[in-house]
């Protein structure tokens, strides 16, 4: 495999989630390590804190859909979705 092909392979692997964790929303405690995406099992809104310090709400999250971002915390306040899973 050539150098460019190897770099493309590594880049694609870096974009694919490597693990999954259950998330308990909190307004104070950040996640042990940032997640690269989340999904929900019960639909609703998800309030979060992003890596750059901004925060906001992902409205109307649908069960089974991956929502991307470098996320430091899922907030309790403003989150109505349930069964939140973080993708590492």
C-alpha atoms as a PDB file:
ATOM      1  CA  UNK A   1       0.000   0.000   0.000  1.00  0.00           C
ATOM      2  CA  UNK A   2       1.360   3.438  -0.920  1.00  0.00           C
ATOM      3  CA  UNK A   3       1.839   6.292   1.528  1.00  0.00           C
ATOM      4  CA  UNK A   4      -1.214   8.235   0.301  1.00  0.00           C
ATOM      5  CA  UNK A   5      -3.451   5.158   0.466  1.00  0.00           C
ATOM      6  CA  UNK A   6      -2.235   4.465   4.027  1.00  0.00           C
ATOM      7  CA  UNK A   7      -2.935   8.077   5.073  1.00  0.00           C
ATOM      8  CA  UNK A   8      -6.454   7.934   3.612  1.00  0.00           C
ATOM      9  CA  UNK A   9      -7.121   4.624   5.387  1.00  0.00           C
ATOM     10  CA  UNK A  10      -5.942   6.090   8.712  1.00  0.00           C
ATOM     11  CA  UNK A  11      -8.035   9.233   8.216  1.00  0.00           C
ATOM     12  CA  UNK A  12     -11.181   7.202   7.533  1.00  0.00           C
ATOM     13  CA  UNK A  13     -10.564   5.076  10.634  1.00  0.00           C
ATOM     14  CA  UNK A  14     -10.103   8.232  12.742  1.00  0.00           C
ATOM     15  CA  UNK A  15     -13.591   9.403  11.719  1.00  0.00           C
ATOM     16  CA  UNK A  16     -15.317   6.166  12.697  1.00  0.00           C
ATOM     17  CA  UNK A  17     -16.406   5.836  16.342  1.00  0.00           C
ATOM     18  CA  UNK A  18     -14.169   3.458  18.263  1.00  0.00           C
ATOM     19  CA  UNK A  19     -16.369   2.904  21.334  1.00  0.00           C
ATOM     20  CA  UNK A  20     -19.697   3.656  22.998  1.00  0.00           C
ATOM     21  CA  UNK A  21     -20.592   4.845  26.518  1.00  0.00           C
ATOM     22  CA  UNK A  22     -23.857   5.545  28.332  1.00  0.00           C
ATOM     23  CA  UNK A  23     -24.267   9.229  29.174  1.00  0.00           C
ATOM     24  CA  UNK A  24     -25.839  10.589  32.346  1.00  0.00           C
ATOM     25  CA  UNK A  25     -26.630  14.264  31.720  1.00  0.00           C
ATOM     26  CA  UNK A  26     -25.153  16.752  34.198  1.00  0.00           C
ATOM     27  CA  UNK A  27     -25.095  20.539  34.375  1.00  0.00           C
ATOM     28  CA  UNK A  28     -21.755  20.537  36.227  1.00  0.00           C
ATOM     29  CA  UNK A  29     -19.669  17.431  35.500  1.00  0.00           C
ATOM     30  CA  UNK A  30     -17.868  17.112  32.165  1.00  0.00           C
ATOM     31  CA  UNK A  31     -17.484  13.719  30.521  1.00  0.00           C
ATOM     32  CA  UNK A  32     -14.379  11.707  31.427  1.00  0.00           C
ATOM     33  CA  UNK A  33     -13.224  12.223  27.839  1.00  0.00           C
ATOM     34  CA  UNK A  34     -14.835  14.158  24.980  1.00  0.00           C
ATOM     35  CA  UNK A  35     -17.156  12.231  22.704  1.00  0.00           C
ATOM     36  CA  UNK A  36     -17.190  12.646  18.919  1.00  0.00           C
ATOM     37  CA  UNK A  37     -20.905  11.992  18.525  1.00  0.00           C
ATOM     38  CA  UNK A  38     -24.028  10.954  20.395  1.00  0.00           C
ATOM     39  CA  UNK A  39     -27.274   9.171  19.680  1.00  0.00           C
ATOM     40  CA  UNK A  40     -30.485   8.725  21.657  1.00  0.00           C
ATOM     41  CA  UNK A  41     -32.892   5.829  22.131  1.00  0.00           C
ATOM     42  CA  UNK A  42     -35.834   8.062  23.128  1.00  0.00           C
ATOM     43  CA  UNK A  43     -36.348  11.173  20.962  1.00  0.00           C
ATOM     44  CA  UNK A  44     -36.168  14.730  22.253  1.00  0.00           C
ATOM     45  CA  UNK A  45     -33.853  17.703  22.671  1.00  0.00           C
ATOM     46  CA  UNK A  46     -30.213  17.407  23.796  1.00  0.00           C
ATOM     47  CA  UNK A  47     -28.455  20.329  25.483  1.00  0.00           C
ATOM     48  CA  UNK A  48     -24.663  20.185  25.334  1.00  0.00           C
ATOM     49  CA  UNK A  49     -21.319  21.886  25.885  1.00  0.00           C
ATOM     50  CA  UNK A  50     -18.928  21.781  22.925  1.00  0.00           C
ATOM     51  CA  UNK A  51     -15.125  21.616  22.984  1.00  0.00           C
ATOM     52  CA  UNK A  52     -14.753  25.319  22.070  1.00  0.00           C
ATOM     53  CA  UNK A  53     -16.826  26.358  25.120  1.00  0.00           C
ATOM     54  CA  UNK A  54     -20.023  27.081  23.211  1.00  0.00           C
ATOM     55  CA  UNK A  55     -23.258  25.463  24.281  1.00  0.00           C
ATOM     56  CA  UNK A  56     -26.631  24.923  22.730  1.00  0.00           C
ATOM     57  CA  UNK A  57     -29.487  22.554  22.105  1.00  0.00           C
ATOM     58  CA  UNK A  58     -29.804  19.969  19.343  1.00  0.00           C
ATOM     59  CA  UNK A  59     -33.615  20.093  18.955  1.00  0.00           C
ATOM     60  CA  UNK A  60     -35.735  17.097  18.015  1.00  0.00           C
ATOM     61  CA  UNK A  61     -33.059  14.387  18.061  1.00  0.00           C
ATOM     62  CA  UNK A  62     -34.327  11.181  16.477  1.00  0.00           C
ATOM     63  CA  UNK A  63     -33.614   7.747  17.951  1.00  0.00           C
ATOM     64  CA  UNK A  64     -30.768   5.917  16.233  1.00  0.00           C
ATOM     65  CA  UNK A  65     -29.327   8.953  14.422  1.00  0.00           C
ATOM     66  CA  UNK A  66     -25.708   9.984  15.098  1.00  0.00           C
ATOM     67  CA  UNK A  67     -25.149  13.661  15.907  1.00  0.00           C
ATOM     68  CA  UNK A  68     -21.527  14.701  15.440  1.00  0.00           C
ATOM     69  CA  UNK A  69     -19.336  17.149  17.340  1.00  0.00           C
ATOM     70  CA  UNK A  70     -16.533  17.251  19.893  1.00  0.00           C
ATOM     71  CA  UNK A  71     -18.718  17.262  23.004  1.00  0.00           C
ATOM     72  CA  UNK A  72     -17.538  17.834  26.594  1.00  0.00           C
ATOM     73  CA  UNK A  73     -20.855  17.540  28.450  1.00  0.00           C
ATOM     74  CA  UNK A  74     -24.513  16.668  27.950  1.00  0.00           C
ATOM     75  CA  UNK A  75     -26.510  19.034  30.164  1.00  0.00           C
ATOM     76  CA  UNK A  76     -29.486  18.011  32.289  1.00  0.00           C
ATOM     77  CA  UNK A  77     -31.217  21.365  31.813  1.00  0.00           C
ATOM     78  CA  UNK A  78     -32.766  21.469  28.353  1.00  0.00           C
ATOM     79  CA  UNK A  79     -32.324  17.755  27.618  1.00  0.00           C
ATOM     80  CA  UNK A  80     -35.563  15.854  27.094  1.00  0.00           C
ATOM     81  CA  UNK A  81     -34.197  12.916  25.071  1.00  0.00           C
ATOM     82  CA  UNK A  82     -33.447   9.650  26.846  1.00  0.00           C
ATOM     83  CA  UNK A  83     -31.065   6.743  26.526  1.00  0.00           C
ATOM     84  CA  UNK A  84     -28.163   8.919  25.409  1.00  0.00           C
ATOM     85  CA  UNK A  85     -25.110   7.043  24.144  1.00  0.00           C
ATOM     86  CA  UNK A  86     -21.774   8.728  23.512  1.00  0.00           C
ATOM     87  CA  UNK A  87     -19.591   7.568  20.640  1.00  0.00           C
ATOM     88  CA  UNK A  88     -15.843   7.753  21.202  1.00  0.00           C
END
